[in-house]
C-alpha atoms as a PDB file:
ATOM      1  CA  MET A   1       0.000   0.000   0.000  1.00  0.00           C
ATOM      2  CA  SER A   2       1.208   3.458  -0.890  1.00  0.00           C
ATOM      3  CA  GLY A   3       2.074   5.886   1.863  1.00  0.00           C
ATOM      4  CA  ILE A   4       0.788   9.424   2.223  1.00  0.00           C
ATOM      5  CA  ILE A   5       1.220  11.726  -0.771  1.00  0.00           C
ATOM      6  CA  LEU A   6       0.396  15.419  -0.392  1.00  0.00           C
ATOM      7  CA  HIS A   7      -0.249  17.569  -3.450  1.00  0.00           C
ATOM      8  CA  HIS A   8       0.488  21.116  -2.270  1.00  0.00           C
ATOM      9  CA  TYR A   9       2.446  24.305  -2.857  1.00  0.00           C
ATOM     10  CA  ASP A  10       4.696  26.308  -0.570  1.00  0.00           C
ATOM     11  CA  LEU A  11       2.558  29.434  -0.014  1.00  0.00           C
ATOM     12  CA  SER A  12      -0.724  27.567   0.552  1.00  0.00           C
ATOM     13  CA  PRO A  13      -1.991  28.139   4.132  1.00  0.00           C
ATOM     14  CA  TYR A  14      -4.148  25.005   4.162  1.00  0.00           C
ATOM     15  CA  SER A  15      -1.171  23.019   2.872  1.00  0.00           C
ATOM     16  CA  GLU A  16       0.866  24.388   5.778  1.00  0.00           C
ATOM     17  CA  LYS A  17      -1.873  23.162   8.111  1.00  0.00           C
ATOM     18  CA  MET A  18      -1.312  19.609   6.850  1.00  0.00           C
ATOM     19  CA  ARG A  19       2.485  19.899   6.788  1.00  0.00           C
ATOM     20  CA  ALA A  20       2.415  20.974  10.441  1.00  0.00           C
ATOM     21  CA  ILE A  21       0.089  18.081  11.334  1.00  0.00           C
ATOM     22  CA  PHE A  22       2.549  15.681   9.693  1.00  0.00           C
ATOM     23  CA  GLY A  23       5.202  17.237  11.920  1.00  0.00           C
ATOM     24  CA  TYR A  24       3.161  16.729  15.068  1.00  0.00           C
ATOM     25  CA  LYS A  25       2.428  13.097  14.187  1.00  0.00           C
ATOM     26  CA  LYS A  26       6.015  12.556  12.960  1.00  0.00           C
ATOM     27  CA  LEU A  27       4.821  11.030   9.693  1.00  0.00           C
ATOM     28  CA  PRO A  28       6.756  10.233   6.513  1.00  0.00           C
ATOM     29  CA  TRP A  29       5.096  11.554   3.361  1.00  0.00           C
ATOM     30  CA  ARG A  30       5.742  12.201  -0.303  1.00  0.00           C
ATOM     31  CA  SER A  31       5.612  15.802  -1.500  1.00  0.00           C
ATOM     32  CA  VAL A  32       4.135  16.611  -4.915  1.00  0.00           C
ATOM     33  CA  ILE A  33       4.234  20.309  -5.768  1.00  0.00           C
ATOM     34  CA  THR A  34       1.113  21.400  -7.635  1.00  0.00           C
ATOM     35  CA  PRO A  35       0.744  24.815  -9.312  1.00  0.00           C
ATOM     36  CA  SER A  36      -0.804  27.572  -7.206  1.00  0.00           C
ATOM     37  CA  ILE A  37      -3.046  28.578 -10.118  1.00  0.00           C
ATOM     38  CA  MET A  38      -4.793  26.830 -12.963  1.00  0.00           C
ATOM     39  CA  PRO A  39      -4.045  24.838 -15.049  1.00  0.00           C
ATOM     40  CA  LYS A  40      -3.383  21.952 -12.649  1.00  0.00           C
ATOM     41  CA  ASP A  41      -3.459  19.091 -15.113  1.00  0.00           C
ATOM     42  CA  GLU A  42      -2.050  16.245 -13.003  1.00  0.00           C
ATOM     43  CA  LEU A  43      -4.054  17.229  -9.920  1.00  0.00           C
ATOM     44  CA  LEU A  44      -7.337  17.291 -11.856  1.00  0.00           C
ATOM     45  CA  VAL A  45      -6.548  13.860 -13.280  1.00  0.00           C
ATOM     46  CA  LEU A  46      -6.771  12.596  -9.688  1.00  0.00           C
ATOM     47  CA  THR A  47      -9.666  14.680  -8.387  1.00  0.00           C
ATOM     48  CA  GLY A  48     -11.859  14.899 -11.468  1.00  0.00           C
ATOM     49  CA  GLY A  49     -12.262  18.660 -11.141  1.00  0.00           C
ATOM     50  CA  TYR A  50     -11.600  19.708  -7.550  1.00  0.00           C
ATOM     51  CA  ARG A  51      -8.803  22.277  -7.793  1.00  0.00           C
ATOM     52  CA  LYS A  52      -8.040  23.545  -4.284  1.00  0.00           C
ATOM     53  CA  ALA A  53      -4.803  22.665  -2.485  1.00  0.00           C
ATOM     54  CA  PRO A  54      -3.904  20.547  -0.697  1.00  0.00           C
ATOM     55  CA  VAL A  55      -5.102  17.143  -1.883  1.00  0.00           C
ATOM     56  CA  LEU A  56      -4.035  14.006  -0.031  1.00  0.00           C
ATOM     57  CA  GLN A  57      -3.507  10.711  -1.838  1.00  0.00           C
ATOM     58  CA  ILE A  58      -3.073   7.180  -0.528  1.00  0.00           C
ATOM     59  CA  GLY A  59      -2.828   4.771  -3.428  1.00  0.00           C
ATOM     60  CA  ARG A  60      -5.910   5.400  -5.546  1.00  0.00           C
ATOM     61  CA  ASP A  61      -7.860   7.059  -2.720  1.00  0.00           C
ATOM     62  CA  ILE A  62      -7.945  10.841  -3.117  1.00  0.00           C
ATOM     63  CA  TYR A  63      -8.988  13.082  -0.199  1.00  0.00           C
ATOM     64  CA  CYS A  64     -10.246  16.626  -0.746  1.00  0.00           C
ATOM     65  CA  ASP A  65     -10.479  19.260   2.032  1.00  0.00           C
ATOM     66  CA  THR A  66      -8.288  19.339   5.141  1.00  0.00           C
ATOM     67  CA  ARG A  67     -11.240  18.613   7.453  1.00  0.00           C
ATOM     68  CA  LEU A  68     -11.463  15.117   6.004  1.00  0.00           C
ATOM     69  CA  MET A  69      -7.678  14.711   5.876  1.00  0.00           C
ATOM     70  CA  ALA A  70      -7.393  15.417   9.602  1.00  0.00           C
ATOM     71  CA  ARG A  71     -10.018  12.760  10.393  1.00  0.00           C
ATOM     72  CA  LEU A  72      -8.211  10.312   8.123  1.00  0.00           C
ATOM     73  CA  LEU A  73      -4.867  10.818   9.857  1.00  0.00           C
ATOM     74  CA  ASP A  74      -6.407  10.272  13.291  1.00  0.00           C
ATOM     75  CA  ARG A  75      -7.942   7.024  12.004  1.00  0.00           C
ATOM     76  CA  LEU A  76      -4.721   5.772  10.436  1.00  0.00           C
ATOM     77  CA  HIS A  77      -2.339   7.125  13.100  1.00  0.00           C
ATOM     78  CA  PRO A  78      -4.316   7.379  16.361  1.00  0.00           C
ATOM     79  CA  ALA A  79      -1.291   8.100  18.541  1.00  0.00           C
ATOM     80  CA  MET A  80      -1.098  11.793  19.452  1.00  0.00           C
ATOM     81  CA  PRO A  81      -4.698  12.408  18.366  1.00  0.00           C
ATOM     82  CA  LEU A  82      -5.742  15.673  16.771  1.00  0.00           C
ATOM     83  CA  VAL A  83      -9.189  15.363  18.329  1.00  0.00           C
ATOM     84  CA  PRO A  84      -8.983  13.761  21.785  1.00  0.00           C
ATOM     85  CA  GLY A  85     -12.359  12.491  22.964  1.00  0.00           C
ATOM     86  CA  PRO A  86     -12.785  14.904  25.895  1.00  0.00           C
ATOM     87  CA  LEU A  87     -12.000  17.867  23.599  1.00  0.00           C
ATOM     88  CA  ARG A  88     -14.198  16.866  20.666  1.00  0.00           C
ATOM     89  CA  ALA A  89     -16.706  19.715  21.046  1.00  0.00           C
ATOM     90  CA  SER A  90     -13.969  22.320  21.521  1.00  0.00           C
ATOM     91  CA  CYS A  91     -12.159  21.142  18.374  1.00  0.00           C
ATOM     92  CA  HIS A  92     -15.455  21.231  16.483  1.00  0.00           C
ATOM     93  CA  ALA A  93     -16.006  24.812  17.630  1.00  0.00           C
ATOM     94  CA  PHE A  94     -12.592  25.846  16.314  1.00  0.00           C
ATOM     95  CA  ALA A  95     -13.347  24.056  13.032  1.00  0.00           C
ATOM     96  CA  ALA A  96     -16.443  26.233  12.674  1.00  0.00           C
ATOM     97  CA  LEU A  97     -14.228  29.299  13.192  1.00  0.00           C
ATOM     98  CA  GLU A  98     -11.597  28.307  10.617  1.00  0.00           C
ATOM     99  CA  GLN A  99     -13.023  30.097   7.589  1.00  0.00           C
ATOM    100  CA  THR A 100     -13.564  33.273   9.620  1.00  0.00           C
ATOM    101  CA  LEU A 101      -9.900  33.267  10.646  1.00  0.00           C
ATOM    102  CA  PHE A 102      -8.736  32.525   7.104  1.00  0.00           C
ATOM    103  CA  PHE A 103     -10.960  35.105   5.417  1.00  0.00           C
ATOM    104  CA  ALA A 104      -9.848  37.689   7.995  1.00  0.00           C
ATOM    105  CA  SER A 105      -6.160  36.907   7.375  1.00  0.00           C
ATOM    106  CA  VAL A 106      -6.111  36.983   3.566  1.00  0.00           C
ATOM    107  CA  PRO A 107      -6.817  40.739   3.194  1.00  0.00           C
ATOM    108  CA  VAL A 108      -4.046  41.497   5.700  1.00  0.00           C
ATOM    109  CA  VAL A 109      -1.569  39.769   3.398  1.00  0.00           C
ATOM    110  CA  PHE A 110      -2.985  41.584   0.384  1.00  0.00           C
ATOM    111  CA  GLN A 111      -2.438  45.059   1.822  1.00  0.00           C
ATOM    112  CA  PRO A 112       0.000  47.196  -0.239  1.00  0.00           C
ATOM    113  CA  ALA A 113       3.028  46.156   1.849  1.00  0.00           C
ATOM    114  CA  GLY A 114       2.060  42.496   1.623  1.00  0.00           C
ATOM    115  CA  LEU A 115       1.362  42.734  -2.091  1.00  0.00           C
ATOM    116  CA  LYS A 116       4.773  44.288  -2.642  1.00  0.00           C
ATOM    117  CA  ALA A 117       6.426  41.339  -0.896  1.00  0.00           C
ATOM    118  CA  LEU A 118       4.340  38.861  -2.880  1.00  0.00           C
ATOM    119  CA  MET A 119       5.169  40.661  -6.115  1.00  0.00           C
ATOM    120  CA  GLU A 120       8.869  40.396  -5.345  1.00  0.00           C
ATOM    121  CA  TYR A 121       8.477  36.668  -4.635  1.00  0.00           C
ATOM    122  CA  LEU A 122       6.177  35.715  -7.522  1.00  0.00           C
ATOM    123  CA  GLY A 123       6.925  38.356 -10.138  1.00  0.00           C
ATOM    124  CA  PRO A 124       4.361  40.734 -11.675  1.00  0.00           C
ATOM    125  CA  GLU A 125       3.169  38.350 -14.408  1.00  0.00           C
ATOM    126  CA  VAL A 126       2.436  35.465 -12.027  1.00  0.00           C
ATOM    127  CA  MET A 127       0.885  37.889  -9.531  1.00  0.00           C
ATOM    128  CA  GLN A 128      -1.556  39.119 -12.153  1.00  0.00           C
ATOM    129  CA  LYS A 129      -2.485  35.555 -13.107  1.00  0.00           C
ATOM    130  CA  PHE A 130      -2.870  34.675  -9.416  1.00  0.00           C
ATOM    131  CA  SER A 131      -5.334  37.524  -8.893  1.00  0.00           C
ATOM    132  CA  GLU A 132      -7.453  36.456 -11.870  1.00  0.00           C
ATOM    133  CA  ASP A 133      -7.328  32.819 -10.754  1.00  0.00           C
ATOM    134  CA  ARG A 134      -8.637  33.714  -7.311  1.00  0.00           C
ATOM    135  CA  ARG A 135     -11.397  35.847  -8.809  1.00  0.00           C
ATOM    136  CA  GLN A 136     -12.599  32.794 -10.724  1.00  0.00           C
ATOM    137  CA  LEU A 137     -12.227  30.601  -7.633  1.00  0.00           C
ATOM    138  CA  PHE A 138     -14.908  32.658  -5.869  1.00  0.00           C
ATOM    139  CA  SER A 139     -17.336  32.546  -8.772  1.00  0.00           C
ATOM    140  CA  GLY A 140     -20.617  30.704  -8.209  1.00  0.00           C
ATOM    141  CA  GLY A 141     -20.307  29.902  -4.502  1.00  0.00           C
ATOM    142  CA  THR A 142     -21.933  31.223  -1.354  1.00  0.00           C
ATOM    143  CA  SER A 143     -18.772  32.954  -0.097  1.00  0.00           C
ATOM    144  CA  GLU A 144     -17.542  36.313  -1.303  1.00  0.00           C
ATOM    145  CA  ARG A 145     -13.861  36.887  -1.907  1.00  0.00           C
ATOM    146  CA  PRO A 146     -12.210  38.003   1.377  1.00  0.00           C
ATOM    147  CA  ASN A 147     -12.189  41.788   1.640  1.00  0.00           C
ATOM    148  CA  ALA A 148     -10.661  44.473   3.836  1.00  0.00           C
ATOM    149  CA  ALA A 149     -13.948  45.384   5.501  1.00  0.00           C
ATOM    150  CA  TYR A 150     -14.450  41.801   6.700  1.00  0.00           C
ATOM    151  CA  SER A 151     -10.856  41.642   7.908  1.00  0.00           C
ATOM    152  CA  LYS A 152     -11.192  44.844   9.944  1.00  0.00           C
ATOM    153  CA  LEU A 153     -14.192  43.405  11.769  1.00  0.00           C
ATOM    154  CA  ASN A 154     -12.598  40.047  12.554  1.00  0.00           C
ATOM    155  CA  PHE A 155      -8.796  39.886  12.373  1.00  0.00           C
ATOM    156  CA  LEU A 156      -7.730  41.750  15.502  1.00  0.00           C
ATOM    157  CA  PRO A 157     -10.617  40.575  17.749  1.00  0.00           C
ATOM    158  CA  GLN A 158     -10.146  36.915  16.823  1.00  0.00           C
ATOM    159  CA  PHE A 159      -6.372  36.831  17.177  1.00  0.00           C
ATOM    160  CA  ASN A 160      -6.533  38.870  20.361  1.00  0.00           C
ATOM    161  CA  ALA A 161      -8.867  36.223  21.832  1.00  0.00           C
ATOM    162  CA  ILE A 162      -6.462  33.472  20.765  1.00  0.00           C
ATOM    163  CA  ASP A 163      -3.533  35.379  22.268  1.00  0.00           C
ATOM    164  CA  LEU A 164      -5.351  35.741  25.591  1.00  0.00           C
ATOM    165  CA  GLN A 165      -6.264  32.059  25.671  1.00  0.00           C
ATOM    166  CA  LEU A 166      -2.631  31.089  25.056  1.00  0.00           C
ATOM    167  CA  ALA A 167      -1.606  32.951  28.221  1.00  0.00           C
ATOM    168  CA  ALA A 168      -3.015  30.053  30.227  1.00  0.00           C
ATOM    169  CA  SER A 169      -1.437  27.063  28.435  1.00  0.00           C
ATOM    170  CA  PRO A 170       1.169  26.300  25.766  1.00  0.00           C
ATOM    171  CA  TYR A 171      -1.505  25.187  23.291  1.00  0.00           C
ATOM    172  CA  LEU A 172      -5.052  26.333  22.725  1.00  0.00           C
ATOM    173  CA  LEU A 173      -6.747  23.467  24.561  1.00  0.00           C
ATOM    174  CA  GLY A 174      -4.070  22.504  27.047  1.00  0.00           C
ATOM    175  CA  GLU A 175      -0.609  20.984  27.289  1.00  0.00           C
ATOM    176  CA  ALA A 176      -0.561  19.239  23.885  1.00  0.00           C
ATOM    177  CA  PRO A 177      -1.515  20.358  20.377  1.00  0.00           C
ATOM    178  CA  THR A 178      -4.942  19.493  19.001  1.00  0.00           C
ATOM    179  CA  LEU A 179      -6.744  20.189  15.746  1.00  0.00           C
ATOM    180  CA  ALA A 180      -7.686  23.578  17.200  1.00  0.00           C
ATOM    181  CA  ASP A 181      -4.035  24.658  17.107  1.00  0.00           C
ATOM    182  CA  PHE A 182      -3.494  23.699  13.482  1.00  0.00           C
ATOM    183  CA  ILE A 183      -6.743  25.393  12.438  1.00  0.00           C
ATOM    184  CA  ALA A 184      -5.623  28.703  13.913  1.00  0.00           C
ATOM    185  CA  TYR A 185      -1.932  28.270  13.138  1.00  0.00           C
ATOM    186  CA  HIS A 186      -2.089  28.197   9.355  1.00  0.00           C
ATOM    187  CA  CYS A 187      -3.982  31.515   9.270  1.00  0.00           C
ATOM    188  CA  ALA A 188      -1.421  33.222  11.512  1.00  0.00           C
ATOM    189  CA  TRP A 189       1.400  31.545   9.552  1.00  0.00           C
ATOM    190  CA  PHE A 190       0.088  33.083   6.319  1.00  0.00           C
ATOM    191  CA  VAL A 191       0.447  36.580   7.784  1.00  0.00           C
ATOM    192  CA  LEU A 192       3.738  35.931   9.561  1.00  0.00           C
ATOM    193  CA  SER A 193       5.298  34.413   6.424  1.00  0.00           C
ATOM    194  CA  ASN A 194       4.875  37.663   4.489  1.00  0.00           C
ATOM    195  CA  PRO A 195       7.676  40.083   5.460  1.00  0.00           C
ATOM    196  CA  GLY A 196       5.588  43.067   4.390  1.00  0.00           C
ATOM    197  CA  VAL A 197       2.867  42.488   6.997  1.00  0.00           C
ATOM    198  CA  ALA A 198       4.405  40.082   9.542  1.00  0.00           C
ATOM    199  CA  GLY A 199       4.623  42.909  12.072  1.00  0.00           C
ATOM    200  CA  THR A 200       0.811  42.953  12.293  1.00  0.00           C
ATOM    201  CA  LEU A 201       1.093  40.145  14.839  1.00  0.00           C
ATOM    202  CA  ASP A 202       3.767  41.833  16.995  1.00  0.00           C
ATOM    203  CA  PRO A 203       1.316  42.877  19.764  1.00  0.00           C
ATOM    204  CA  PHE A 204       0.395  39.239  20.388  1.00  0.00           C
ATOM    205  CA  LYS A 205       3.339  37.857  22.358  1.00  0.00           C
ATOM    206  CA  ASN A 206       1.615  34.667  23.497  1.00  0.00           C
ATOM    207  CA  LEU A 207       0.548  33.989  19.919  1.00  0.00           C
ATOM    208  CA  LEU A 208       4.091  34.474  18.585  1.00  0.00           C
ATOM    209  CA  ALA A 209       5.544  32.096  21.180  1.00  0.00           C
ATOM    210  CA  TRP A 210       2.859  29.536  20.277  1.00  0.00           C
ATOM    211  CA  ILE A 211       3.652  29.877  16.557  1.00  0.00           C
ATOM    212  CA  ALA A 212       7.292  29.155  17.373  1.00  0.00           C
ATOM    213  CA  ARG A 213       6.233  25.994  19.255  1.00  0.00           C
ATOM    214  CA  ILE A 214       4.139  24.775  16.310  1.00  0.00           C
ATOM    215  CA  LYS A 215       6.948  25.517  13.846  1.00  0.00           C
ATOM    216  CA  ALA A 216       9.355  23.561  16.040  1.00  0.00           C
ATOM    217  CA  LEU A 217       7.243  20.448  15.432  1.00  0.00           C
ATOM    218  CA  GLY A 218       8.525  20.517  11.865  1.00  0.00           C
ATOM    219  CA  HIS A 219       6.884  18.967   8.818  1.00  0.00           C
ATOM    220  CA  GLY A 220       7.464  15.287   9.514  1.00  0.00           C
ATOM    221  CA  GLN A 221       9.592  13.392   7.008  1.00  0.00           C
ATOM    222  CA  PRO A 222       8.838  14.656   3.478  1.00  0.00           C
ATOM    223  CA  SER A 223      10.487  13.406   0.305  1.00  0.00           C
ATOM    224  CA  SER A 224       9.894  14.767  -3.172  1.00  0.00           C
ATOM    225  CA  MET A 225       7.799  12.948  -5.774  1.00  0.00           C
ATOM    226  CA  PRO A 226       7.100  13.983  -9.388  1.00  0.00           C
ATOM    227  CA  ALA A 227       3.419  14.451 -10.201  1.00  0.00           C
ATOM    228  CA  GLY A 228       3.592  11.787 -12.905  1.00  0.00           C
ATOM    229  CA  GLU A 229       4.839   9.230 -10.391  1.00  0.00           C
ATOM    230  CA  ALA A 230       1.832   9.938  -8.154  1.00  0.00           C
ATOM    231  CA  LEU A 231      -0.453   9.085 -11.094  1.00  0.00           C
ATOM    232  CA  GLU A 232       1.424   5.809 -11.554  1.00  0.00           C
ATOM    233  CA  VAL A 233       0.959   5.018  -7.848  1.00  0.00           C
ATOM    234  CA  ALA A 234      -2.794   5.455  -8.295  1.00  0.00           C
ATOM    235  CA  ARG A 235      -2.892   3.319 -11.455  1.00  0.00           C
ATOM    236  CA  ALA A 236      -0.904   0.490  -9.862  1.00  0.00           C
ATOM    237  CA  CYS A 237      -2.942   0.385  -6.644  1.00  0.00           C
ATOM    238  CA  THR A 238      -5.467  -2.431  -6.180  1.00  0.00           C
ATOM    239  CA  GLN A 239      -6.402  -1.842  -2.525  1.00  0.00           C
ATOM    240  CA  ASP A 240      -8.878   0.772  -1.287  1.00  0.00           C
ATOM    241  CA  GLN A 241      -8.848   2.618   2.042  1.00  0.00           C
ATOM    242  CA  PRO A 242     -11.712   1.839   4.457  1.00  0.00           C
ATOM    243  CA  PHE A 243     -14.629   4.251   4.320  1.00  0.00           C
ATOM    244  CA  ASP A 244     -15.266   6.615   7.219  1.00  0.00           C
ATOM    245  CA  GLY A 245     -18.464   6.005   9.188  1.00  0.00           C
ATOM    246  CA  PRO A 246     -21.591   3.865   8.700  1.00  0.00           C
ATOM    247  CA  LEU A 247     -23.642   4.241   5.535  1.00  0.00           C
ATOM    248  CA  MET A 248     -26.075   7.146   5.442  1.00  0.00           C
ATOM    249  CA  GLU A 249     -27.134   7.797   1.868  1.00  0.00           C
ATOM    250  CA  PRO A 250     -27.875  11.356   0.783  1.00  0.00           C
ATOM    251  CA  GLU A 251     -31.600  12.048   0.580  1.00  0.00           C
ATOM    252  CA  GLY A 252     -33.028  10.725  -2.678  1.00  0.00           C
ATOM    253  CA  LEU A 253     -29.737   9.175  -3.846  1.00  0.00           C
ATOM    254  CA  LYS A 254     -28.508   5.579  -3.750  1.00  0.00           C
ATOM    255  CA  LEU A 255     -25.206   3.752  -3.883  1.00  0.00           C
ATOM    256  CA  GLY A 256     -24.266   2.948  -7.457  1.00  0.00           C
ATOM    257  CA  GLN A 257     -25.956   6.096  -8.764  1.00  0.00           C
ATOM    258  CA  ARG A 258     -24.044   8.583 -10.906  1.00  0.00           C
ATOM    259  CA  VAL A 259     -23.770  11.792  -8.874  1.00  0.00           C
ATOM    260  CA  SER A 260     -22.080  15.185  -8.868  1.00  0.00           C
ATOM    261  CA  VAL A 261     -20.299  16.613  -5.806  1.00  0.00           C
ATOM    262  CA  ASN A 262     -19.140  20.190  -5.354  1.00  0.00           C
ATOM    263  CA  ALA A 263     -18.163  22.578  -2.571  1.00  0.00           C
ATOM    264  CA  THR A 264     -20.828  25.145  -1.798  1.00  0.00           C
ATOM    265  CA  ASP A 265     -18.672  28.044  -0.575  1.00  0.00           C
ATOM    266  CA  TYR A 266     -15.923  28.593  -3.171  1.00  0.00           C
ATOM    267  CA  GLY A 267     -13.943  26.477  -5.605  1.00  0.00           C
ATOM    268  CA  CYS A 268     -17.266  24.959  -6.619  1.00  0.00           C
ATOM    269  CA  ASP A 269     -16.096  22.853  -9.582  1.00  0.00           C
ATOM    270  CA  SER A 270     -18.141  19.660  -9.809  1.00  0.00           C
ATOM    271  CA  VAL A 271     -16.706  16.151  -9.659  1.00  0.00           C
ATOM    272  CA  VAL A 272     -18.839  13.435 -11.274  1.00  0.00           C
ATOM    273  CA  GLY A 273     -18.664   9.745 -10.471  1.00  0.00           C
ATOM    274  CA  THR A 274     -20.468   6.730  -9.048  1.00  0.00           C
ATOM    275  CA  LEU A 275     -21.552   7.042  -5.424  1.00  0.00           C
ATOM    276  CA  VAL A 276     -19.799   4.274  -3.459  1.00  0.00           C
ATOM    277  CA  HIS A 277     -20.179   5.542   0.113  1.00  0.00           C
ATOM    278  CA  ALA A 278     -21.841   8.272   2.148  1.00  0.00           C
ATOM    279  CA  SER A 279     -21.863   8.848   5.901  1.00  0.00           C
ATOM    280  CA  VAL A 280     -22.161  11.810   8.254  1.00  0.00           C
ATOM    281  CA  TYR A 281     -18.436  12.342   7.661  1.00  0.00           C
ATOM    282  CA  GLU A 282     -17.740  11.744   3.978  1.00  0.00           C
ATOM    283  CA  VAL A 283     -19.049  11.211   0.478  1.00  0.00           C
ATOM    284  CA  ALA A 284     -16.974   8.970  -1.816  1.00  0.00           C
ATOM    285  CA  LEU A 285     -17.189   8.635  -5.581  1.00  0.00           C
ATOM    286  CA  LYS A 286     -15.599   6.128  -7.935  1.00  0.00           C
ATOM    287  CA  ARG A 287     -14.297   7.503 -11.208  1.00  0.00           C
ATOM    288  CA  SER A 288     -11.799   6.464 -13.858  1.00  0.00           C
ATOM    289  CA  ASP A 289      -9.109   8.271 -15.799  1.00  0.00           C
ATOM    290  CA  GLU A 290      -6.933   7.035 -18.646  1.00  0.00           C
ATOM    291  CA  ARG A 291      -3.728   8.144 -16.896  1.00  0.00           C
ATOM    292  CA  ALA A 292      -4.508   7.208 -13.288  1.00  0.00           C
ATOM    293  CA  GLY A 293      -6.932   4.286 -13.614  1.00  0.00           C
ATOM    294  CA  ASP A 294      -9.777   3.698 -11.154  1.00  0.00           C
ATOM    295  CA  LEU A 295      -9.955   6.231  -8.334  1.00  0.00           C
ATOM    296  CA  ILE A 296     -11.991   6.784  -5.178  1.00  0.00           C
ATOM    297  CA  VAL A 297     -12.413  10.503  -4.470  1.00  0.00           C
ATOM    298  CA  HIS A 298     -13.487  11.455  -0.938  1.00  0.00           C
ATOM    299  CA  PHE A 299     -15.150  14.714   0.189  1.00  0.00           C
ATOM    300  CA  PRO A 300     -16.431  15.874   3.577  1.00  0.00           C
ATOM    301  CA  ARG A 301     -20.218  15.613   3.948  1.00  0.00           C
ATOM    302  CA  GLU A 302     -20.233  19.057   5.554  1.00  0.00           C
ATOM    303  CA  GLY A 303     -19.967  21.922   3.074  1.00  0.00           C
ATOM    304  CA  PHE A 304     -20.368  19.796  -0.066  1.00  0.00           C
ATOM    305  CA  ARG A 305     -23.463  19.340  -2.197  1.00  0.00           C
ATOM    306  CA  VAL A 306     -24.379  15.927  -3.610  1.00  0.00           C
ATOM    307  CA  SER A 307     -26.864  15.722  -6.478  1.00  0.00           C
ATOM    308  CA  ALA A 308     -27.834  13.372  -9.289  1.00  0.00           C
ATOM    309  CA  ALA A 309     -25.552  13.874 -12.280  1.00  0.00           C
ATOM    310  CA  GLU A 310     -27.204  15.132 -15.429  1.00  0.00           C
END
C-alpha cells in the first residue's frame, strides 16, 4: 500500500496546516508540488475537477479538504490524536471558526506592503495571473472573496482572543496540540510568512511564542515525488482505504448512482462519479481516468453538495 502523498504548494496556508500536522504526528510523506493557479493538469486527473490545495492521496484514494484529511490521519495514526475524545466539542467549535480566521487573514496579506512582498516573490506576471485565478475561484459559490472590511471586523478581535487564551497554556486546549491549534496556526502563519505584513502580529506575544512551538514540530519526514509518479501510484494500486463512518445515503440518492459533488462556498467545480459511500463524515465517488486508472475521491459531507448527475 502506498504511503501518504500530499499535493500542495509552498505558499498555501491550508497546505501548511497539513504539513504541520505531519510534523506533530512525525509522519513520513511524499511531496508533490502542484501549481498555485490553474491549469493543474495532473491534480485534476486525480480529483476529477476539484482544484483547491492541498489534496491528499493514498494509493488510488484521493482526499479533498483538510477537514477530512485530519479525520483520516487520526484514524490511520491514532497516537497523538488531533481530536482527543474529551476535547471533541472544543475542536469542532474551532473548526467552525476556521473560515472566519482565514478570510480575515487573507486581506491582511494583500495590503499594499504584503502585495509588494508577494510581487517580489512571484513576479508581476504570475501575480496578475494569481489575482485572476482567485477571482474565478470565488465565482458561483456562497462565499464572497475576502475583503478588507471583513478583515477589519474580525482579524484583531479573533487573534486577540487566541492570544489571551494562550496565556493560560502552551496550546489552545491545554498541554498538547490538538486540531484547534493547526486550524488557527495556518492563518497566523500566512500573515507571519509575508515580510511586508508580519509585524501585524507583533502585539500578540503569546501567539508568537505559540507559533514558534508549532513551527518547532517541523513537517514530519517529506520526500519529493514527481506528479507523474503519483499518477502511476494510483494506477498500480489495487487496494482501497476503508470508508469513514456507517452508511447514510444522501436524501433521494442511492449507492451505485451517478452523482455530482461540489463545494458550496468557493472552488465549486463539480466532480462526477459513481456514489460508493456516504456517511455523516464523507461522500466517496468512484471515477476512472486514462492516466490514473480507477480512483476513489473522498469529500467531507459538511460543506459539499451531492446531487444526481445530469
